[in-house]
Amino acid sequence: MLKKVSAIKVRQNLGQVMNEVALKSDEYIVERAGKPLVAIIPIEKYLSMKKERDEFFRMYEELQGEAMSGEEESIDRDIEEALKKVRR
């Protein structure tokens, strides 16, 4: 369950907040002056999000490397073909 709480309340009840997050998979948005500042989420969710992010950037770098390794000529040909078709 997603809960919003002030930074002061979190400071006063950190142990309880940690238990709710760890044991019940609750999530907290911590606010300061009514503005969201940070999130407290279960470690499993954090690790899953980090793994997905790392995989995304690994795939991105792989694709970027492929685009730079000689496929530029192929890309240029594709662009020229597309321009010819559009101009017709």
C-alpha atoms as a PDB file:
ATOM      1  CA  MET A   1       0.000   0.000   0.000  1.00  0.00           C
ATOM      2  CA  LEU A   2       1.328   3.478  -0.888  1.00  0.00           C
ATOM      3  CA  LYS A   3       1.355   5.912   2.015  1.00  0.00           C
ATOM      4  CA  LYS A   4       2.366   9.561   2.229  1.00  0.00           C
ATOM      5  CA  VAL A   5       4.082  10.745   5.385  1.00  0.00           C
ATOM      6  CA  SER A   6       5.995  13.805   6.547  1.00  0.00           C
ATOM      7  CA  ALA A   7       9.724  13.671   7.159  1.00  0.00           C
ATOM      8  CA  ILE A   8       9.118  14.463  10.829  1.00  0.00           C
ATOM      9  CA  LYS A   9       6.770  11.464  11.223  1.00  0.00           C
ATOM     10  CA  VAL A  10       9.331   9.192   9.552  1.00  0.00           C
ATOM     11  CA  ARG A  11      12.021  10.403  11.954  1.00  0.00           C
ATOM     12  CA  GLN A  12       9.749   9.741  14.904  1.00  0.00           C
ATOM     13  CA  ASN A  13       8.634   6.304  13.671  1.00  0.00           C
ATOM     14  CA  LEU A  14      11.491   4.994  11.537  1.00  0.00           C
ATOM     15  CA  GLY A  15      11.442   1.509  13.060  1.00  0.00           C
ATOM     16  CA  GLN A  16       7.714   1.124  12.432  1.00  0.00           C
ATOM     17  CA  VAL A  17       8.037   2.436   8.866  1.00  0.00           C
ATOM     18  CA  MET A  18      10.881   0.007   8.163  1.00  0.00           C
ATOM     19  CA  ASN A  19       8.841  -2.921   9.526  1.00  0.00           C
ATOM     20  CA  GLU A  20       5.811  -2.014   7.411  1.00  0.00           C
ATOM     21  CA  VAL A  21       7.965  -1.754   4.297  1.00  0.00           C
ATOM     22  CA  ALA A  22       9.920  -4.945   4.979  1.00  0.00           C
ATOM     23  CA  LEU A  23       7.108  -7.133   6.282  1.00  0.00           C
ATOM     24  CA  LYS A  24       3.984  -5.825   4.553  1.00  0.00           C
ATOM     25  CA  SER A  25       5.593  -4.440   1.366  1.00  0.00           C
ATOM     26  CA  ASP A  26       4.116  -1.002   2.069  1.00  0.00           C
ATOM     27  CA  GLU A  27       5.652   1.920   0.229  1.00  0.00           C
ATOM     28  CA  TYR A  28       6.091   5.430   1.565  1.00  0.00           C
ATOM     29  CA  ILE A  29       6.433   8.798  -0.095  1.00  0.00           C
ATOM     30  CA  VAL A  30       8.202  11.080   2.362  1.00  0.00           C
ATOM     31  CA  GLU A  31       7.228  14.714   2.068  1.00  0.00           C
ATOM     32  CA  ARG A  32       8.888  17.865   3.313  1.00  0.00           C
ATOM     33  CA  ALA A  33       6.738  20.978   3.443  1.00  0.00           C
ATOM     34  CA  GLY A  34       4.037  19.034   1.589  1.00  0.00           C
ATOM     35  CA  LYS A  35       6.291  18.234  -1.381  1.00  0.00           C
ATOM     36  CA  PRO A  36       7.367  14.661  -2.230  1.00  0.00           C
ATOM     37  CA  LEU A  37      11.051  14.239  -1.490  1.00  0.00           C
ATOM     38  CA  VAL A  38      11.966  10.536  -1.378  1.00  0.00           C
ATOM     39  CA  ALA A  39      10.399   7.093  -1.512  1.00  0.00           C
ATOM     40  CA  ILE A  40      10.905   4.205   0.869  1.00  0.00           C
ATOM     41  CA  ILE A  41      10.289   0.897  -0.896  1.00  0.00           C
ATOM     42  CA  PRO A  42      11.000  -2.779  -0.177  1.00  0.00           C
ATOM     43  CA  ILE A  43      14.542  -3.849  -1.041  1.00  0.00           C
ATOM     44  CA  GLU A  44      13.222  -6.511  -3.440  1.00  0.00           C
ATOM     45  CA  LYS A  45      11.439  -3.865  -5.496  1.00  0.00           C
ATOM     46  CA  TYR A  46      14.517  -1.656  -5.511  1.00  0.00           C
ATOM     47  CA  LEU A  47      16.759  -4.512  -6.672  1.00  0.00           C
ATOM     48  CA  SER A  48      14.268  -5.464  -9.384  1.00  0.00           C
ATOM     49  CA  MET A  49      14.100  -1.868 -10.639  1.00  0.00           C
ATOM     50  CA  LYS A  50      17.889  -1.604 -10.581  1.00  0.00           C
ATOM     51  CA  LYS A  51      18.238  -4.860 -12.530  1.00  0.00           C
ATOM     52  CA  GLU A  52      15.770  -3.647 -15.183  1.00  0.00           C
ATOM     53  CA  ARG A  53      17.580  -0.312 -15.438  1.00  0.00           C
ATOM     54  CA  ASP A  54      20.982  -1.991 -15.765  1.00  0.00           C
ATOM     55  CA  GLU A  55      19.634  -4.342 -18.452  1.00  0.00           C
ATOM     56  CA  PHE A  56      18.137  -1.410 -20.376  1.00  0.00           C
ATOM     57  CA  PHE A  57      21.444   0.463 -20.412  1.00  0.00           C
ATOM     58  CA  ARG A  58      23.375  -2.705 -21.347  1.00  0.00           C
ATOM     59  CA  MET A  59      21.063  -3.218 -24.340  1.00  0.00           C
ATOM     60  CA  TYR A  60      21.285   0.468 -25.245  1.00  0.00           C
ATOM     61  CA  GLU A  61      25.082   0.391 -25.234  1.00  0.00           C
ATOM     62  CA  GLU A  62      25.042  -2.812 -27.285  1.00  0.00           C
ATOM     63  CA  LEU A  63      22.763  -1.262 -29.896  1.00  0.00           C
ATOM     64  CA  GLN A  64      24.797   1.920 -29.931  1.00  0.00           C
ATOM     65  CA  GLY A  65      27.954  -0.110 -30.496  1.00  0.00           C
ATOM     66  CA  GLU A  66      26.343  -1.986 -33.388  1.00  0.00           C
ATOM     67  CA  ALA A  67      25.245   1.276 -34.984  1.00  0.00           C
ATOM     68  CA  MET A  68      28.791   2.614 -34.818  1.00  0.00           C
ATOM     69  CA  SER A  69      30.516  -0.519 -36.109  1.00  0.00           C
ATOM     70  CA  GLY A  70      30.226  -0.178 -39.840  1.00  0.00           C
ATOM     71  CA  GLU A  71      26.468  -0.033 -40.093  1.00  0.00           C
ATOM     72  CA  GLU A  72      26.692   3.700 -40.785  1.00  0.00           C
ATOM     73  CA  GLU A  73      26.930   2.998 -44.508  1.00  0.00           C
ATOM     74  CA  SER A  74      23.809   0.872 -44.349  1.00  0.00           C
ATOM     75  CA  ILE A  75      21.987   3.592 -42.435  1.00  0.00           C
ATOM     76  CA  ASP A  76      23.108   6.206 -44.972  1.00  0.00           C
ATOM     77  CA  ARG A  77      21.786   4.019 -47.829  1.00  0.00           C
ATOM     78  CA  ASP A  78      18.454   3.598 -46.035  1.00  0.00           C
ATOM     79  CA  ILE A  79      18.169   7.349 -45.574  1.00  0.00           C
ATOM     80  CA  GLU A  80      18.989   8.009 -49.225  1.00  0.00           C
ATOM     81  CA  GLU A  81      16.368   5.463 -50.326  1.00  0.00           C
ATOM     82  CA  ALA A  82      13.744   7.004 -48.053  1.00  0.00           C
ATOM     83  CA  LEU A  83      14.522  10.473 -49.373  1.00  0.00           C
ATOM     84  CA  LYS A  84      14.216   9.291 -52.989  1.00  0.00           C
ATOM     85  CA  LYS A  85      10.811   7.763 -52.264  1.00  0.00           C
ATOM     86  CA  VAL A  86       9.570  10.889 -50.543  1.00  0.00           C
ATOM     87  CA  ARG A  87      10.751  13.145 -53.360  1.00  0.00           C
ATOM     88  CA  ARG A  88       8.924  11.094 -56.027  1.00  0.00           C
END
